């Protein structure tokens, strides 16, 4: 039995869905533990690409159950559309379970999300967070404020009505609120249609552990977008860390075996916020174009730059990473060289290697210090076929040196390498060897 967590180790969009889908082949349950329709995990199947938003990738595999867990915020109308879309394509192959403890994202939360971000922008244009406007932040705020509505209440009309009346009283400042009677009716109807999937999911997972079955926790967003430990306020509203995955699934920490951090061989960020290694030159545009760097949920172009070992070391320590999955190495194939950020220089001339400052403004002023590594050849079809036949020994020598450089710099072994978008274009390097913990990580001093 193995309980694994797959989480983002950068600013999101690291191809977590691809790695989670790869590992789901040996899992009995795959659990999404946080987030909602603001995420988009793209998985390229033989039938074509699939983008999952509120479903765990386990629903795509026979014999696997995908669980939308208690730490999520669920937009029920969009969830129903997602399920119907998979059914129509014949891709809903696994089972689906929806936690009765998950909170509900309402249309009024989506209105509030737009209103709040416009308010920030009017106050100070650069304060706009660039959210997906999916209502995630307001839904989590209402959960914390004890105004929220949970999936379990969708099938209880009296409780549903009472909760909505209280919630509407807190949203009187919002324009164009839908009539409460109309919303209550729609929620009752969608609740009835989703009822066959609703479960108290944590005992199901506990029993699976007792039977020795494998469980995979599929993270959304990234540790650097964590509400407490990310680049606040340019963060998400949940905890996409290893600790957050346990809380959001109901699995106790004593059962955890592996924490796999997913990072691209370069870096991207969507929306506002500091990004020390961002490259706004033609090379950054090359990464965007070659890597197909557009948001799966919004379609927005991603900001592109280079791998940042300062942030990766911090994420490794924060989450207790046992190994790394480095993805999209094919995008860098054929370049003249590959820059890797190994330290920051502060405005007063100090050199920092251990971790980011608490302040997003301070991080934005940090100057990256790069080491330049030799690039590897292009990943043409023949090379991909050879890797598929021969495994990791077929990886180019310069790529292996790059992976060793990352291992040494982070103190965590690289266990998986993604070299293309398709499901089978991932190679396992073998069991991770013992490595020292990331050294240093002293506090940033202002």
Protein backbone atom coordinates (compact mmCIF):
# COMPACT_ATOMS: atom_id res chain seq x y z
CA UNK A 1 0.00 0.00 0.00
CA UNK A 2 1.24 3.46 -0.91
CA UNK A 3 -0.25 6.90 -0.23
CA UNK A 4 1.32 9.43 -2.56
CA UNK A 5 0.85 13.14 -3.06
CA UNK A 6 1.55 14.82 -6.41
CA UNK A 7 1.79 18.59 -6.03
CA UNK A 8 2.94 21.61 -8.00
CA UNK A 9 6.40 22.87 -7.08
CA UNK A 10 6.34 26.17 -9.00
CA UNK A 11 3.54 28.65 -9.81
CA UNK A 12 1.12 26.06 -11.21
CA UNK A 13 0.70 24.58 -14.71
CA UNK A 14 3.63 22.17 -14.20
CA UNK A 15 1.85 19.23 -15.92
CA UNK A 16 0.67 17.77 -12.61
CA UNK A 17 -2.28 16.19 -14.38
CA UNK A 18 0.03 14.28 -16.70
CA UNK A 19 2.14 12.92 -13.83
CA UNK A 20 -0.94 12.13 -11.73
CA UNK A 21 -2.50 10.28 -14.67
CA UNK A 22 0.74 8.32 -15.15
CA UNK A 23 0.72 7.24 -11.49
CA UNK A 24 -3.05 6.61 -11.46
CA UNK A 25 -2.41 3.43 -13.43
CA UNK A 26 -1.36 1.75 -10.16
CA UNK A 27 -3.87 3.48 -7.86
CA UNK A 28 -7.28 2.42 -6.57
CA UNK A 29 -8.33 5.95 -5.60
CA UNK A 30 -7.21 9.33 -6.93
CA UNK A 31 -8.29 12.26 -4.74
CA UNK A 32 -8.50 15.95 -5.53
CA UNK A 33 -8.15 17.69 -2.17
CA UNK A 34 -8.46 21.44 -2.88
CA UNK A 35 -9.47 24.02 -5.45
CA UNK A 36 -12.40 23.96 -7.83
CA UNK A 37 -13.24 25.00 -11.39
CA UNK A 38 -10.29 27.42 -11.41
CA UNK A 39 -7.91 24.57 -12.22
CA UNK A 40 -7.35 22.78 -15.50
CA UNK A 41 -5.41 19.51 -15.68
CA UNK A 42 -4.73 18.55 -19.30
CA UNK A 43 -4.23 14.87 -20.11
CA UNK A 44 -3.52 13.80 -23.67
CA UNK A 45 -5.17 10.42 -24.35
CA UNK A 46 -5.12 8.44 -27.60
CA UNK A 47 -8.65 9.80 -28.15
CA UNK A 48 -7.41 13.37 -27.80
CA UNK A 49 -6.78 15.88 -25.02
CA UNK A 50 -8.99 16.02 -21.93
CA UNK A 51 -9.07 18.98 -19.54
CA UNK A 52 -10.29 18.13 -16.03
CA UNK A 53 -11.37 20.92 -13.71
CA UNK A 54 -13.23 19.47 -10.73
CA UNK A 55 -12.66 15.76 -11.34
CA UNK A 56 -9.62 13.75 -10.30
CA UNK A 57 -7.90 11.95 -13.16
CA UNK A 58 -8.89 8.56 -11.74
CA UNK A 59 -12.24 8.86 -13.53
CA UNK A 60 -10.36 8.25 -16.81
CA UNK A 61 -9.13 4.75 -15.86
CA UNK A 62 -11.03 1.50 -15.46
CA UNK A 63 -10.94 0.15 -11.92
CA UNK A 64 -10.03 3.52 -10.39
CA UNK A 65 -12.26 5.89 -8.43
CA UNK A 66 -11.78 9.62 -8.78
CA UNK A 67 -12.71 11.46 -5.59
CA UNK A 68 -13.54 15.16 -5.40
CA UNK A 69 -12.63 15.56 -1.76
CA UNK A 70 -13.84 17.51 1.27
CA UNK A 71 -11.27 20.29 0.84
CA UNK A 72 -12.64 21.28 -2.57
CA UNK A 73 -15.16 23.97 -3.48
CA UNK A 74 -17.50 22.57 -6.11
CA UNK A 75 -19.47 24.47 -8.74
CA UNK A 76 -22.23 21.86 -9.20
CA UNK A 77 -23.54 23.06 -12.57
CA UNK A 78 -20.05 23.02 -14.10
CA UNK A 79 -19.33 19.66 -12.47
CA UNK A 80 -22.39 18.20 -14.14
CA UNK A 81 -21.24 19.59 -17.50
CA UNK A 82 -17.80 18.04 -16.97
CA UNK A 83 -19.27 14.62 -16.22
CA UNK A 84 -21.62 14.81 -19.21
CA UNK A 85 -18.75 15.82 -21.50
CA UNK A 86 -16.71 12.77 -20.50
CA UNK A 87 -19.73 10.46 -20.90
CA UNK A 88 -20.41 11.76 -24.40
CA UNK A 89 -16.81 11.03 -25.39
CA UNK A 90 -16.87 7.59 -23.76
CA UNK A 91 -14.06 8.60 -21.41
CA UNK A 92 -15.81 8.29 -18.03
CA UNK A 93 -14.20 4.91 -17.42
CA UNK A 94 -13.61 4.93 -13.67
CA UNK A 95 -15.97 5.57 -10.80
CA UNK A 96 -16.71 8.98 -9.29
CA UNK A 97 -17.29 9.98 -5.67
CA UNK A 98 -18.13 13.51 -4.47
CA UNK A 99 -17.50 14.38 -0.83
CA UNK A 100 -20.57 15.49 1.07
CA UNK A 101 -18.29 17.85 3.04
CA UNK A 102 -17.07 19.80 -0.01
CA UNK A 103 -18.36 23.36 -0.16
CA UNK A 104 -20.42 24.78 -3.00
CA UNK A 105 -19.38 27.59 -5.34
CA UNK A 106 -22.53 29.56 -6.16
CA UNK A 107 -23.21 31.97 -9.03
CA UNK A 108 -23.19 34.76 -6.45
CA UNK A 109 -19.59 33.81 -5.59
CA UNK A 110 -18.65 34.27 -9.24
CA UNK A 111 -20.27 37.72 -9.24
CA UNK A 112 -18.42 38.57 -6.05
CA UNK A 113 -15.10 37.41 -7.49
CA UNK A 114 -15.45 39.83 -10.42
CA UNK A 115 -16.60 42.65 -8.12
CA UNK A 116 -13.66 42.16 -5.73
CA UNK A 117 -11.00 42.11 -8.43
CA UNK A 118 -12.46 45.21 -10.08
CA UNK A 119 -12.39 46.89 -6.65
CA UNK A 120 -8.71 46.06 -6.25
CA UNK A 121 -7.98 47.38 -9.74
CA UNK A 122 -9.79 50.65 -9.08
CA UNK A 123 -7.88 51.12 -5.85
CA UNK A 124 -4.53 50.36 -7.46
CA UNK A 125 -4.25 48.88 -10.97
CA UNK A 126 -1.30 46.64 -10.10
CA UNK A 127 -3.26 45.21 -7.14
CA UNK A 128 -5.54 43.21 -9.45
CA UNK A 129 -4.82 39.53 -8.78
CA UNK A 130 -5.75 38.18 -12.20
CA UNK A 131 -8.01 35.47 -10.78
CA UNK A 132 -10.00 33.12 -13.03
CA UNK A 133 -13.23 34.82 -11.79
CA UNK A 134 -14.54 31.35 -10.89
CA UNK A 135 -15.76 32.34 -7.43
CA UNK A 136 -13.12 30.30 -5.62
CA UNK A 137 -11.89 32.99 -3.21
CA UNK A 138 -15.36 34.11 -2.09
CA UNK A 139 -16.48 30.49 -1.63
CA UNK A 140 -13.48 29.70 0.58
CA UNK A 141 -14.03 32.99 2.46
CA UNK A 142 -17.62 32.00 3.19
CA UNK A 143 -16.45 28.56 4.29
CA UNK A 144 -14.06 30.15 6.78
CA UNK A 145 -16.72 32.64 7.88
CA UNK A 146 -19.24 29.83 8.52
CA UNK A 147 -21.63 31.16 5.87
CA UNK A 148 -20.89 28.36 3.40
CA UNK A 149 -23.12 25.76 1.82
CA UNK A 150 -21.90 22.16 1.63
CA UNK A 151 -22.74 19.49 -0.93
CA UNK A 152 -24.67 17.57 1.74
CA UNK A 153 -27.11 20.47 2.09
CA UNK A 154 -28.12 20.42 -1.58
CA UNK A 155 -30.51 17.54 -0.80
CA UNK A 156 -32.06 19.30 2.25
CA UNK A 157 -34.42 22.02 0.94
CA UNK A 158 -35.13 23.65 4.32
CA UNK A 159 -31.45 23.90 5.26
CA UNK A 160 -30.57 25.03 1.73
CA UNK A 161 -33.10 27.84 1.88
CA UNK A 162 -31.98 28.95 5.34
CA UNK A 163 -28.32 29.05 4.31
CA UNK A 164 -29.09 30.97 1.13
CA UNK A 165 -31.12 33.61 2.98
CA UNK A 166 -28.23 34.21 5.39
CA UNK A 167 -25.73 34.28 2.56
CA UNK A 168 -27.80 36.75 0.54
CA UNK A 169 -27.92 39.03 3.58
CA UNK A 170 -24.10 39.21 3.48
CA UNK A 171 -24.04 39.96 -0.29
CA UNK A 172 -26.43 42.91 -0.46
CA UNK A 173 -23.63 45.09 -1.83
CA UNK A 174 -23.36 43.01 -5.00
CA UNK A 175 -25.24 44.05 -8.16
CA UNK A 176 -27.42 41.71 -10.23
CA UNK A 177 -27.92 38.94 -7.69
CA UNK A 178 -30.12 36.16 -9.09
CA UNK A 179 -33.54 35.76 -7.44
CA UNK A 180 -33.17 33.56 -4.38
CA UNK A 181 -36.16 31.36 -5.30
CA UNK A 182 -34.70 30.67 -8.72
CA UNK A 183 -31.27 29.78 -7.33
CA UNK A 184 -32.71 27.56 -4.58
CA UNK A 185 -34.72 25.64 -7.17
CA UNK A 186 -31.75 25.15 -9.50
CA UNK A 187 -29.53 23.99 -6.63
CA UNK A 188 -32.13 21.46 -5.44
CA UNK A 189 -32.43 20.08 -8.97
CA UNK A 190 -28.70 19.75 -9.58
CA UNK A 191 -28.28 18.30 -6.09
CA UNK A 192 -30.77 15.56 -6.92
CA UNK A 193 -28.93 14.73 -10.15
CA UNK A 194 -25.54 14.58 -8.38
CA UNK A 195 -26.88 12.68 -5.35
CA UNK A 196 -25.89 9.20 -6.68
CA UNK A 197 -22.24 10.27 -6.50
CA UNK A 198 -22.29 11.94 -3.06
CA UNK A 199 -20.45 10.04 -0.34
CA UNK A 200 -18.77 10.56 3.01
CA UNK A 201 -15.41 9.91 1.40
CA UNK A 202 -12.90 9.85 4.26
CA UNK A 203 -14.07 6.43 5.67
CA UNK A 204 -13.85 5.03 2.13
CA UNK A 205 -10.19 6.06 1.96
CA UNK A 206 -9.45 4.77 5.48
CA UNK A 207 -10.88 1.37 4.54
CA UNK A 208 -8.84 1.34 1.33
CA UNK A 209 -5.69 1.96 3.38
CA UNK A 210 -6.59 -0.91 5.72
CA UNK A 211 -6.99 -3.18 2.67
CA UNK A 212 -3.56 -2.19 1.36
CA UNK A 213 -4.81 -0.31 -1.70
CA UNK A 214 -2.89 2.53 -3.34
CA UNK A 215 -4.15 6.10 -2.99
CA UNK A 216 -2.94 9.09 -4.99
CA UNK A 217 -3.66 12.66 -3.88
CA UNK A 218 -3.71 14.91 -6.96
CA UNK A 219 -2.78 18.47 -6.09
CA UNK A 220 -4.18 21.56 -7.78
CA UNK A 221 -2.37 24.87 -8.26
CA UNK A 222 1.03 24.93 -6.55
CA UNK A 223 2.83 25.28 -3.24
CA UNK A 224 4.00 28.77 -4.24
CA UNK A 225 0.33 29.77 -4.51
CA UNK A 226 -0.48 28.54 -1.00
CA UNK A 227 -2.57 30.97 1.02
CA UNK A 228 0.00 31.09 3.84
CA UNK A 229 3.31 30.18 2.20
CA UNK A 230 2.92 31.51 -1.33
CA UNK A 231 3.50 34.96 -2.81
CA UNK A 232 0.65 36.58 -0.86
CA UNK A 233 -1.64 38.23 -1.92
CA UNK A 234 -1.00 36.75 -5.38
CA UNK A 235 -2.08 33.30 -4.24
CA UNK A 236 -5.03 30.94 -4.35
CA UNK A 237 -7.49 30.62 -1.47
CA UNK A 238 -6.62 27.09 -0.34
CA UNK A 239 -3.57 25.10 0.75
CA UNK A 240 -2.02 23.26 -2.25
CA UNK A 241 0.80 21.87 -0.07
CA UNK A 242 1.34 18.32 1.19
CA UNK A 243 -0.16 19.27 4.55
CA UNK A 244 -3.16 20.79 2.78
CA UNK A 245 -3.65 17.63 0.73
CA UNK A 246 -3.94 15.57 3.91
CA UNK A 247 -6.42 17.97 5.51
CA UNK A 248 -8.42 18.22 2.27
CA UNK A 249 -8.73 14.46 1.91
CA UNK A 250 -9.10 13.30 5.51
CA UNK A 251 -6.04 11.04 5.36
CA UNK A 252 -3.89 11.16 8.50
CA UNK A 253 -0.21 12.13 8.11
CA UNK A 254 0.97 8.81 9.58
CA UNK A 255 -0.25 7.07 6.40
CA UNK A 256 1.73 9.21 3.95
CA UNK A 257 4.55 7.50 2.03
CA UNK A 258 5.65 9.77 -0.82
CA UNK A 259 5.43 13.44 -1.81
CA UNK A 260 6.28 14.08 -5.45
CA UNK A 261 6.88 17.68 -6.52
CA UNK A 262 6.24 18.48 -10.18
CA UNK A 263 8.31 21.18 -11.88
CA UNK A 264 8.87 22.14 -15.49
CA UNK A 265 12.42 22.26 -16.80
CA UNK A 266 11.68 25.98 -17.07
CA UNK A 267 8.97 28.03 -15.29
CA UNK A 268 5.69 29.79 -16.01
CA UNK A 269 3.17 31.90 -14.15
CA UNK A 270 -0.39 32.97 -15.00
CA UNK A 271 -1.82 36.23 -13.71
CA UNK A 272 -0.20 38.81 -11.49
CA UNK A 273 2.54 38.35 -8.92
CA UNK A 274 6.34 38.28 -8.64
CA UNK A 275 8.23 36.01 -11.01
CA UNK A 276 12.01 36.50 -10.57
CA UNK A 277 13.11 34.42 -13.56
CA UNK A 278 10.55 35.75 -16.04
CA UNK A 279 12.06 36.28 -19.51
CA UNK A 280 10.23 38.90 -21.56
CA UNK A 281 12.64 38.62 -24.50
CA UNK A 282 12.28 36.52 -27.64
CA UNK A 283 13.56 33.50 -25.66
CA UNK A 284 10.60 33.78 -23.30
CA UNK A 285 8.28 34.03 -26.28
CA UNK A 286 9.94 30.90 -27.69
CA UNK A 287 9.12 29.01 -24.48
CA UNK A 288 5.51 30.18 -24.67
CA UNK A 289 5.15 29.25 -28.31
CA UNK A 290 6.98 25.92 -28.21
CA UNK A 291 5.53 24.84 -24.87
CA UNK A 292 1.96 25.79 -25.81
CA UNK A 293 1.83 27.94 -22.68
CA UNK A 294 -1.76 29.04 -22.36
CA UNK A 295 -3.99 28.48 -19.36
CA UNK A 296 -6.18 25.38 -19.65
CA UNK A 297 -9.02 27.13 -17.80
CA UNK A 298 -8.80 30.71 -19.09
CA UNK A 299 -6.79 30.44 -22.31
CA UNK A 300 -4.60 33.32 -21.10
CA UNK A 301 -0.96 33.28 -22.26
CA UNK A 302 1.40 32.28 -19.47
CA UNK A 303 4.39 34.34 -18.47
CA UNK A 304 7.52 32.30 -19.16
CA UNK A 305 11.00 32.12 -17.67
CA UNK A 306 13.65 29.82 -16.30
CA UNK A 307 13.93 27.17 -13.60
CA UNK A 308 14.38 28.72 -10.14
CA UNK A 309 16.26 26.52 -7.65
CA UNK A 310 15.86 29.06 -4.83
CA UNK A 311 12.09 28.60 -4.90
CA UNK A 312 12.35 24.87 -5.60
CA UNK A 313 14.55 24.32 -2.53
CA UNK A 314 11.96 26.18 -0.42
CA UNK A 315 9.11 24.07 -1.80
CA UNK A 316 11.09 20.88 -1.18
CA UNK A 317 11.56 21.70 2.50
CA UNK A 318 8.04 23.07 3.01
CA UNK A 319 6.38 19.95 1.60
CA UNK A 320 8.85 17.24 2.56
CA UNK A 321 9.38 16.23 -1.07
CA UNK A 322 10.64 12.67 -1.47
CA UNK A 323 11.24 13.06 -5.21
CA UNK A 324 10.77 15.36 -8.19
CA UNK A 325 9.07 14.96 -11.54
CA UNK A 326 10.65 17.26 -14.15
CA UNK A 327 8.35 17.84 -17.11
CA UNK A 328 8.46 19.41 -20.57
CA UNK A 329 12.19 18.80 -21.06
CA UNK A 330 11.41 18.46 -24.77
CA UNK A 331 10.57 22.18 -24.97
CA UNK A 332 14.22 23.07 -24.20
CA UNK A 333 15.66 20.59 -26.68
CA UNK A 334 17.76 22.28 -29.35
CA UNK A 335 18.43 25.54 -27.46
CA UNK A 336 21.94 26.97 -27.31
CA UNK A 337 21.98 26.72 -23.51
CA UNK A 338 19.65 26.32 -20.52
CA UNK A 339 19.78 29.02 -17.80
CA UNK A 340 19.04 27.91 -14.23
CA UNK A 341 18.63 30.38 -11.36
CA UNK A 342 20.81 29.29 -8.42
CA UNK A 343 20.58 32.38 -6.19
CA UNK A 344 19.15 35.91 -5.88
CA UNK A 345 20.94 39.20 -5.46
CA UNK A 346 19.10 41.63 -3.21
CA UNK A 347 18.94 45.39 -3.86
CA UNK A 348 21.65 45.91 -1.20
CA UNK A 349 23.98 43.46 -2.96
CA UNK A 350 23.57 40.38 -0.74
CA UNK A 351 23.35 36.90 -2.30
CA UNK A 352 20.44 34.67 -1.21
CA UNK A 353 20.20 30.95 -1.96
CA UNK A 354 17.98 29.57 0.76
CA UNK A 355 14.44 30.74 0.06
CA UNK A 356 12.17 33.63 -0.88
CA UNK A 357 11.31 36.64 1.26
CA UNK A 358 7.89 36.81 2.88
CA UNK A 359 7.01 40.00 0.99
CA UNK A 360 5.94 39.66 -2.63
CA UNK A 361 7.35 43.14 -3.24
CA UNK A 362 10.79 42.03 -1.99
CA UNK A 363 10.67 38.95 -4.21
CA UNK A 364 9.81 41.12 -7.21
CA UNK A 365 13.00 43.14 -6.59
CA UNK A 366 15.27 40.10 -6.33
CA UNK A 367 17.71 39.76 -9.22
CA UNK A 368 18.24 36.14 -10.35
CA UNK A 369 21.79 34.78 -10.58
CA UNK A 370 22.04 32.16 -13.32
CA UNK A 371 24.27 29.27 -14.20
CA UNK A 372 24.15 28.28 -17.85
CA UNK A 373 24.05 24.55 -18.68
CA UNK A 374 24.51 22.85 -22.04
CA UNK A 375 21.24 22.15 -23.81
CA UNK A 376 20.33 18.72 -25.16
CA UNK A 377 19.24 17.75 -28.68
CA UNK A 378 15.70 18.16 -29.96
CA UNK A 379 13.23 15.46 -28.95
CA UNK A 380 12.44 14.15 -32.42
CA UNK A 381 10.21 11.11 -32.96
CA UNK A 382 13.15 8.67 -33.15
CA UNK A 383 14.48 9.79 -29.76
CA UNK A 384 11.04 9.43 -28.19
CA UNK A 385 10.65 5.95 -29.64
CA UNK A 386 14.05 4.98 -28.29
CA UNK A 387 13.17 6.20 -24.78
CA UNK A 388 9.92 4.24 -24.95
CA UNK A 389 11.90 1.08 -25.82
CA UNK A 390 15.02 1.53 -23.68
CA UNK A 391 13.89 3.68 -20.78
CA UNK A 392 15.98 6.33 -19.00
CA UNK A 393 19.30 5.18 -20.46
CA UNK A 394 18.16 6.66 -23.77
CA UNK A 395 17.87 10.19 -22.34
CA UNK A 396 20.50 12.53 -23.86
CA UNK A 397 23.68 12.93 -21.82
CA UNK A 398 23.30 16.70 -21.42
CA UNK A 399 19.75 16.23 -20.14
CA UNK A 400 21.00 13.71 -17.58
CA UNK A 401 23.61 16.27 -16.45
CA UNK A 402 20.84 18.89 -16.14
CA UNK A 403 18.77 16.52 -13.98
CA UNK A 404 21.80 15.76 -11.80
CA UNK A 405 22.39 19.52 -11.39
CA UNK A 406 18.78 19.96 -10.22
CA UNK A 407 19.09 17.04 -7.80
CA UNK A 408 22.24 18.45 -6.29
CA UNK A 409 20.86 21.97 -6.09
CA UNK A 410 17.56 20.96 -4.47
CA UNK A 411 18.70 17.96 -2.43
CA UNK A 412 15.84 15.81 -3.76
CA UNK A 413 16.14 13.04 -6.38
CA UNK A 414 14.47 13.30 -9.77
CA UNK A 415 12.29 10.22 -10.19
CA UNK A 416 10.15 11.00 -13.25
CA UNK A 417 10.81 12.88 -16.48
CA UNK A 418 8.11 14.07 -18.87
CA UNK A 419 9.32 14.53 -22.43
CA UNK A 420 6.08 15.16 -24.34
CA UNK A 421 2.38 15.81 -23.92
CA UNK A 422 1.07 12.29 -24.47
CA UNK A 423 0.21 9.90 -21.67
CA UNK A 424 3.06 7.49 -22.47
CA UNK A 425 5.74 10.20 -22.80
CA UNK A 426 6.87 9.93 -19.19
CA UNK A 427 9.82 7.86 -18.04
CA UNK A 428 10.49 6.51 -14.55
CA UNK A 429 14.16 6.77 -13.60
CA UNK A 430 13.95 4.09 -10.91
CA UNK A 431 13.61 4.20 -7.12
CA UNK A 432 14.90 7.47 -5.69
CA UNK A 433 18.19 7.19 -3.87
CA UNK A 434 18.73 8.68 -0.43
CA UNK A 435 19.61 12.35 -0.59
CA UNK A 436 20.45 14.95 2.02
CA UNK A 437 17.77 17.49 2.84
CA UNK A 438 17.96 20.88 1.14
CA UNK A 439 20.75 22.69 2.91
CA UNK A 440 20.43 26.03 4.64
CA UNK A 441 17.01 27.62 4.14
CA UNK A 442 17.90 30.44 6.50
CA UNK A 443 15.34 33.19 6.95
CA UNK A 444 15.45 36.07 4.49
CA UNK A 445 16.57 39.16 6.42
CA UNK A 446 15.22 42.52 5.22
